[in-house]
N, C-alpha and C. Protein backbone atom coordinates (compact mmCIF):
# COMPACT_ATOMS: atom_id res chain seq x y z
N MET A 1 26.16 0.41 -9.90
CA MET A 1 25.24 -0.27 -10.80
C MET A 1 25.54 0.18 -12.23
N LYS A 2 25.60 -0.79 -13.12
CA LYS A 2 25.86 -0.50 -14.52
C LYS A 2 24.62 0.13 -15.15
N PRO A 3 24.83 1.01 -16.16
CA PRO A 3 23.68 1.65 -16.81
C PRO A 3 22.65 0.66 -17.34
N ILE A 4 23.10 -0.46 -17.88
CA ILE A 4 22.15 -1.44 -18.41
C ILE A 4 21.31 -2.04 -17.29
N ASP A 5 21.90 -2.24 -16.11
CA ASP A 5 21.15 -2.76 -14.97
C ASP A 5 20.06 -1.77 -14.56
N LEU A 6 20.39 -0.49 -14.59
CA LEU A 6 19.41 0.54 -14.25
C LEU A 6 18.27 0.55 -15.26
N ILE A 7 18.59 0.41 -16.53
CA ILE A 7 17.55 0.39 -17.57
C ILE A 7 16.62 -0.80 -17.36
N ILE A 8 17.19 -1.96 -17.07
CA ILE A 8 16.37 -3.16 -16.85
C ILE A 8 15.48 -2.98 -15.62
N ARG A 9 16.03 -2.41 -14.57
CA ARG A 9 15.21 -2.17 -13.37
C ARG A 9 14.08 -1.18 -13.67
N LEU A 10 14.39 -0.16 -14.45
CA LEU A 10 13.35 0.82 -14.82
C LEU A 10 12.26 0.18 -15.66
N GLU A 11 12.63 -0.76 -16.53
CA GLU A 11 11.62 -1.49 -17.30
C GLU A 11 10.66 -2.21 -16.36
N TRP A 12 11.20 -2.84 -15.32
CA TRP A 12 10.36 -3.56 -14.38
C TRP A 12 9.49 -2.61 -13.56
N VAL A 13 10.01 -1.41 -13.28
CA VAL A 13 9.19 -0.40 -12.60
C VAL A 13 7.98 -0.06 -13.47
N VAL A 14 8.21 0.10 -14.76
CA VAL A 14 7.11 0.41 -15.69
C VAL A 14 6.08 -0.73 -15.70
N VAL A 15 6.54 -1.97 -15.71
CA VAL A 15 5.62 -3.11 -15.67
C VAL A 15 4.80 -3.09 -14.38
N ALA A 16 5.46 -2.83 -13.25
CA ALA A 16 4.77 -2.77 -11.96
C ALA A 16 3.72 -1.66 -11.96
N VAL A 17 4.11 -0.49 -12.44
CA VAL A 17 3.18 0.64 -12.48
C VAL A 17 1.99 0.31 -13.39
N ALA A 18 2.26 -0.28 -14.54
CA ALA A 18 1.17 -0.65 -15.46
C ALA A 18 0.20 -1.63 -14.80
N ALA A 19 0.72 -2.65 -14.15
CA ALA A 19 -0.14 -3.63 -13.48
C ALA A 19 -0.98 -2.96 -12.39
N ILE A 20 -0.36 -2.06 -11.64
CA ILE A 20 -1.08 -1.37 -10.57
C ILE A 20 -2.13 -0.41 -11.13
N VAL A 21 -1.81 0.28 -12.22
CA VAL A 21 -2.79 1.19 -12.85
C VAL A 21 -3.98 0.39 -13.39
N PHE A 22 -3.70 -0.73 -14.06
CA PHE A 22 -4.80 -1.56 -14.56
C PHE A 22 -5.63 -2.10 -13.40
N TYR A 23 -4.96 -2.48 -12.31
CA TYR A 23 -5.69 -2.95 -11.12
C TYR A 23 -6.59 -1.83 -10.60
N ALA A 24 -6.03 -0.63 -10.49
CA ALA A 24 -6.80 0.51 -9.98
C ALA A 24 -8.03 0.78 -10.84
N SER A 25 -7.89 0.62 -12.15
CA SER A 25 -9.01 0.88 -13.05
C SER A 25 -10.10 -0.19 -12.96
N SER A 26 -9.77 -1.32 -12.32
CA SER A 26 -10.75 -2.41 -12.20
C SER A 26 -11.81 -2.10 -11.15
N GLY A 27 -11.51 -1.21 -10.24
CA GLY A 27 -12.46 -0.88 -9.18
C GLY A 27 -12.50 -1.89 -8.04
N ILE A 28 -11.61 -2.86 -8.07
CA ILE A 28 -11.56 -3.88 -7.02
C ILE A 28 -10.91 -3.27 -5.78
N SER A 29 -11.30 -3.73 -4.62
CA SER A 29 -10.81 -3.20 -3.34
C SER A 29 -9.30 -3.27 -3.22
N TRP A 30 -8.72 -2.21 -2.68
CA TRP A 30 -7.28 -2.18 -2.41
C TRP A 30 -6.92 -3.12 -1.26
N TRP A 31 -7.92 -3.52 -0.46
CA TRP A 31 -7.65 -4.49 0.61
C TRP A 31 -7.21 -5.81 0.01
N LEU A 32 -7.84 -6.21 -1.07
CA LEU A 32 -7.46 -7.46 -1.73
C LEU A 32 -6.03 -7.36 -2.24
N PHE A 33 -5.68 -6.22 -2.82
CA PHE A 33 -4.31 -6.01 -3.30
C PHE A 33 -3.33 -6.15 -2.13
N ALA A 34 -3.65 -5.49 -1.01
CA ALA A 34 -2.78 -5.53 0.18
C ALA A 34 -2.62 -6.94 0.72
N VAL A 35 -3.69 -7.70 0.69
CA VAL A 35 -3.65 -9.08 1.21
C VAL A 35 -2.85 -10.00 0.30
N LEU A 36 -2.98 -9.83 -1.02
CA LEU A 36 -2.38 -10.78 -1.96
C LEU A 36 -1.01 -10.38 -2.50
N ILE A 37 -0.58 -9.14 -2.32
CA ILE A 37 0.65 -8.70 -2.97
C ILE A 37 1.87 -9.53 -2.52
N LEU A 38 1.88 -10.01 -1.31
CA LEU A 38 3.02 -10.81 -0.84
C LEU A 38 2.77 -12.31 -0.90
N ALA A 39 1.60 -12.72 -1.39
CA ALA A 39 1.26 -14.16 -1.45
C ALA A 39 2.30 -15.00 -2.20
N PRO A 40 2.86 -14.53 -3.32
CA PRO A 40 3.86 -15.37 -4.00
C PRO A 40 5.08 -15.69 -3.13
N ASP A 41 5.34 -14.85 -2.14
CA ASP A 41 6.51 -15.10 -1.28
C ASP A 41 6.29 -16.26 -0.31
N LEU A 42 5.06 -16.74 -0.20
CA LEU A 42 4.83 -17.95 0.59
C LEU A 42 5.58 -19.14 0.00
N SER A 43 5.94 -19.02 -1.28
CA SER A 43 6.70 -20.09 -1.93
C SER A 43 8.08 -20.29 -1.28
N MET A 44 8.54 -19.30 -0.52
CA MET A 44 9.82 -19.44 0.17
C MET A 44 9.79 -20.57 1.21
N LEU A 45 8.59 -20.97 1.59
CA LEU A 45 8.47 -22.10 2.52
C LEU A 45 9.07 -23.37 1.92
N GLY A 46 9.18 -23.41 0.60
CA GLY A 46 9.81 -24.55 -0.06
C GLY A 46 11.25 -24.75 0.38
N TYR A 47 11.89 -23.68 0.85
CA TYR A 47 13.27 -23.79 1.32
C TYR A 47 13.38 -24.65 2.58
N LEU A 48 12.27 -24.91 3.24
CA LEU A 48 12.29 -25.83 4.38
C LEU A 48 12.68 -27.23 3.92
N GLY A 49 12.47 -27.52 2.63
CA GLY A 49 12.83 -28.81 2.06
C GLY A 49 14.19 -28.80 1.39
N GLY A 50 14.93 -27.71 1.54
CA GLY A 50 16.27 -27.61 0.96
C GLY A 50 16.32 -26.60 -0.17
N PRO A 51 17.54 -26.24 -0.59
CA PRO A 51 17.68 -25.20 -1.62
C PRO A 51 17.13 -25.58 -2.99
N ARG A 52 17.21 -26.84 -3.36
CA ARG A 52 16.70 -27.25 -4.68
C ARG A 52 15.18 -27.13 -4.72
N LEU A 53 14.51 -27.70 -3.74
CA LEU A 53 13.05 -27.62 -3.67
C LEU A 53 12.61 -26.17 -3.48
N GLY A 54 13.35 -25.43 -2.67
CA GLY A 54 13.03 -24.02 -2.45
C GLY A 54 13.09 -23.22 -3.73
N ALA A 55 14.13 -23.43 -4.53
CA ALA A 55 14.27 -22.70 -5.79
C ALA A 55 13.14 -23.06 -6.75
N ILE A 56 12.77 -24.33 -6.80
CA ILE A 56 11.68 -24.76 -7.67
C ILE A 56 10.37 -24.09 -7.25
N ALA A 57 10.07 -24.12 -5.96
CA ALA A 57 8.83 -23.53 -5.46
C ALA A 57 8.81 -22.02 -5.68
N TYR A 58 9.92 -21.37 -5.34
CA TYR A 58 10.00 -19.92 -5.48
C TYR A 58 9.86 -19.52 -6.95
N ASN A 59 10.61 -20.16 -7.82
CA ASN A 59 10.59 -19.81 -9.24
C ASN A 59 9.23 -20.06 -9.88
N ALA A 60 8.53 -21.11 -9.41
CA ALA A 60 7.22 -21.41 -9.97
C ALA A 60 6.25 -20.24 -9.80
N LEU A 61 6.40 -19.49 -8.71
CA LEU A 61 5.50 -18.37 -8.46
C LEU A 61 6.12 -17.02 -8.78
N HIS A 62 7.34 -17.01 -9.32
CA HIS A 62 8.01 -15.74 -9.63
C HIS A 62 8.42 -15.62 -11.09
N MET A 63 7.82 -16.43 -11.95
CA MET A 63 7.99 -16.30 -13.39
C MET A 63 6.71 -15.70 -13.96
N LEU A 64 6.81 -14.94 -15.02
CA LEU A 64 5.64 -14.27 -15.60
C LEU A 64 4.71 -15.19 -16.38
N ILE A 65 5.15 -16.40 -16.70
CA ILE A 65 4.37 -17.29 -17.56
C ILE A 65 2.96 -17.52 -16.99
N ALA A 66 2.87 -17.96 -15.77
CA ALA A 66 1.56 -18.29 -15.19
C ALA A 66 0.65 -17.06 -15.04
N PRO A 67 1.13 -15.95 -14.46
CA PRO A 67 0.21 -14.82 -14.32
C PRO A 67 -0.20 -14.19 -15.65
N VAL A 68 0.67 -14.19 -16.64
CA VAL A 68 0.28 -13.64 -17.94
C VAL A 68 -0.76 -14.55 -18.61
N LEU A 69 -0.57 -15.87 -18.50
CA LEU A 69 -1.59 -16.79 -19.03
C LEU A 69 -2.91 -16.64 -18.28
N LEU A 70 -2.83 -16.45 -16.95
CA LEU A 70 -4.04 -16.23 -16.16
C LEU A 70 -4.73 -14.93 -16.58
N LEU A 71 -3.95 -13.89 -16.82
CA LEU A 71 -4.50 -12.61 -17.27
C LEU A 71 -5.20 -12.78 -18.62
N LEU A 72 -4.55 -13.48 -19.53
CA LEU A 72 -5.12 -13.73 -20.86
C LEU A 72 -6.42 -14.54 -20.75
N ALA A 73 -6.38 -15.60 -19.96
CA ALA A 73 -7.57 -16.44 -19.79
C ALA A 73 -8.70 -15.63 -19.15
N GLY A 74 -8.35 -14.84 -18.13
CA GLY A 74 -9.36 -14.01 -17.48
C GLY A 74 -10.00 -13.04 -18.45
N HIS A 75 -9.18 -12.45 -19.31
CA HIS A 75 -9.70 -11.51 -20.30
C HIS A 75 -10.60 -12.23 -21.31
N LEU A 76 -10.12 -13.34 -21.84
CA LEU A 76 -10.89 -14.07 -22.86
C LEU A 76 -12.20 -14.65 -22.32
N LEU A 77 -12.18 -15.04 -21.05
CA LEU A 77 -13.37 -15.65 -20.44
C LEU A 77 -14.23 -14.64 -19.68
N GLY A 78 -13.77 -13.39 -19.62
CA GLY A 78 -14.52 -12.38 -18.89
C GLY A 78 -14.54 -12.63 -17.39
N ASN A 79 -13.45 -13.18 -16.86
CA ASN A 79 -13.38 -13.54 -15.44
C ASN A 79 -12.59 -12.46 -14.69
N ALA A 80 -13.31 -11.58 -14.01
CA ALA A 80 -12.68 -10.47 -13.30
C ALA A 80 -11.76 -10.95 -12.17
N ALA A 81 -12.12 -12.05 -11.51
CA ALA A 81 -11.29 -12.56 -10.42
C ALA A 81 -9.92 -13.00 -10.94
N ALA A 82 -9.91 -13.68 -12.07
CA ALA A 82 -8.64 -14.13 -12.66
C ALA A 82 -7.78 -12.93 -13.06
N ILE A 83 -8.41 -11.93 -13.66
CA ILE A 83 -7.68 -10.73 -14.06
C ILE A 83 -7.10 -10.03 -12.84
N THR A 84 -7.88 -9.92 -11.80
CA THR A 84 -7.43 -9.25 -10.57
C THR A 84 -6.23 -9.95 -9.96
N VAL A 85 -6.33 -11.26 -9.79
CA VAL A 85 -5.22 -12.03 -9.21
C VAL A 85 -3.99 -11.92 -10.10
N ALA A 86 -4.17 -12.02 -11.41
CA ALA A 86 -3.04 -11.93 -12.34
C ALA A 86 -2.34 -10.58 -12.24
N LEU A 87 -3.09 -9.49 -12.15
CA LEU A 87 -2.48 -8.16 -12.07
C LEU A 87 -1.68 -7.99 -10.77
N ILE A 88 -2.22 -8.50 -9.67
CA ILE A 88 -1.49 -8.43 -8.40
C ILE A 88 -0.22 -9.26 -8.49
N TRP A 89 -0.32 -10.43 -9.05
CA TRP A 89 0.82 -11.35 -9.19
C TRP A 89 1.89 -10.72 -10.08
N ILE A 90 1.48 -10.13 -11.20
CA ILE A 90 2.44 -9.46 -12.10
C ILE A 90 3.10 -8.29 -11.38
N ALA A 91 2.32 -7.52 -10.65
CA ALA A 91 2.89 -6.39 -9.89
C ALA A 91 3.94 -6.89 -8.90
N HIS A 92 3.66 -7.99 -8.22
CA HIS A 92 4.63 -8.54 -7.26
C HIS A 92 5.94 -8.91 -7.95
N ILE A 93 5.84 -9.64 -9.03
CA ILE A 93 7.04 -10.06 -9.75
C ILE A 93 7.82 -8.85 -10.24
N ALA A 94 7.12 -7.88 -10.81
CA ALA A 94 7.79 -6.69 -11.35
C ALA A 94 8.47 -5.88 -10.25
N ILE A 95 7.83 -5.76 -9.11
CA ILE A 95 8.44 -5.04 -7.98
C ILE A 95 9.70 -5.78 -7.53
N ASP A 96 9.61 -7.09 -7.42
CA ASP A 96 10.80 -7.88 -7.05
C ASP A 96 11.95 -7.63 -8.02
N ARG A 97 11.67 -7.73 -9.32
CA ARG A 97 12.72 -7.55 -10.32
C ARG A 97 13.29 -6.13 -10.29
N SER A 98 12.42 -5.14 -10.07
CA SER A 98 12.90 -3.76 -10.03
C SER A 98 13.81 -3.52 -8.82
N LEU A 99 13.65 -4.34 -7.80
CA LEU A 99 14.51 -4.25 -6.61
C LEU A 99 15.75 -5.14 -6.72
N GLY A 100 15.86 -5.88 -7.82
CA GLY A 100 17.03 -6.70 -8.06
C GLY A 100 16.91 -8.14 -7.61
N TYR A 101 15.69 -8.57 -7.26
CA TYR A 101 15.49 -9.96 -6.86
C TYR A 101 15.15 -10.79 -8.08
N GLY A 102 15.96 -11.79 -8.35
CA GLY A 102 15.76 -12.61 -9.53
C GLY A 102 15.26 -14.00 -9.19
N LEU A 103 15.15 -14.82 -10.21
CA LEU A 103 14.79 -16.22 -10.02
C LEU A 103 15.93 -16.92 -9.29
N LYS A 104 15.60 -17.86 -8.45
CA LYS A 104 16.58 -18.50 -7.59
C LYS A 104 17.30 -19.65 -8.29
N LEU A 105 18.56 -19.77 -7.96
CA LEU A 105 19.35 -20.92 -8.38
C LEU A 105 19.30 -21.95 -7.27
N SER A 106 19.55 -23.20 -7.60
CA SER A 106 19.44 -24.27 -6.60
C SER A 106 20.60 -24.28 -5.61
N THR A 107 21.57 -23.39 -5.79
CA THR A 107 22.73 -23.35 -4.89
C THR A 107 22.43 -22.63 -3.59
N GLY A 108 21.37 -21.86 -3.53
CA GLY A 108 21.01 -21.17 -2.29
C GLY A 108 20.10 -19.99 -2.56
N PHE A 109 19.41 -19.54 -1.53
CA PHE A 109 18.42 -18.47 -1.66
C PHE A 109 19.02 -17.18 -2.20
N GLN A 110 20.25 -16.87 -1.80
CA GLN A 110 20.88 -15.62 -2.23
C GLN A 110 21.36 -15.65 -3.68
N ASP A 111 21.44 -16.80 -4.29
CA ASP A 111 21.94 -16.92 -5.65
C ASP A 111 20.78 -16.84 -6.64
N THR A 112 20.79 -15.77 -7.48
CA THR A 112 19.71 -15.57 -8.43
C THR A 112 20.26 -15.40 -9.84
N HIS A 113 19.38 -15.42 -10.80
CA HIS A 113 19.79 -15.22 -12.19
C HIS A 113 20.30 -13.80 -12.42
N LEU A 114 20.04 -12.90 -11.49
CA LEU A 114 20.53 -11.52 -11.60
C LEU A 114 21.81 -11.31 -10.80
N GLY A 115 22.28 -12.35 -10.13
CA GLY A 115 23.47 -12.25 -9.29
C GLY A 115 23.11 -12.54 -7.84
N ARG A 116 24.08 -12.41 -6.98
CA ARG A 116 23.89 -12.70 -5.55
C ARG A 116 23.22 -11.53 -4.87
N ILE A 117 22.24 -11.81 -4.01
CA ILE A 117 21.57 -10.77 -3.25
C ILE A 117 22.03 -10.80 -1.81
N GLY A 118 21.78 -9.75 -1.10
CA GLY A 118 22.16 -9.68 0.30
C GLY A 118 23.46 -8.93 0.49
N ARG A 119 23.92 -8.91 1.71
CA ARG A 119 25.17 -8.21 2.04
C ARG A 119 26.36 -8.93 1.45
N LYS A 120 27.32 -8.15 1.07
CA LYS A 120 28.58 -8.70 0.58
C LYS A 120 29.35 -9.28 1.77
N PRO A 121 30.08 -10.38 1.58
CA PRO A 121 30.87 -10.94 2.66
C PRO A 121 31.83 -9.89 3.22
N GLY A 122 31.86 -9.78 4.51
CA GLY A 122 32.76 -8.84 5.18
C GLY A 122 32.25 -7.42 5.21
N ALA A 123 31.01 -7.19 4.72
CA ALA A 123 30.46 -5.83 4.72
C ALA A 123 30.09 -5.45 6.14
N PHE A 124 30.33 -4.20 6.48
CA PHE A 124 30.04 -3.70 7.82
C PHE A 124 28.55 -3.43 7.95
N SER A 125 27.96 -3.86 9.03
CA SER A 125 26.56 -3.60 9.30
C SER A 125 26.44 -3.15 10.74
N PRO A 126 26.08 -1.87 10.97
CA PRO A 126 25.98 -1.36 12.37
C PRO A 126 24.89 -2.01 13.14
């Protein structure tokens, strides 16, 4: 891994930690966090309609635009539910990015803006 890749991953770790710390300070149940943390991955069901539709569905729930706007709206309107969902959503995205999972390209699930994910062709797997 190149040093710049490590720095970028560490940035995402910081974002994930910040979202989780803010969530913890909200006093909301950790059960809700556990239930919703993987909810954005339901967008992978879009791949049942092919790689193009899958990438659109996946990317729609894995970009920061919507959860940051939801967080802002929740803050401005005093809506704790919106803030809670937004923090969980941001934590999910940040954890994904820190693990090297990027936005999907329409060529296939393994093709992301950060490069190809998964095993390298011909890699040994016991």
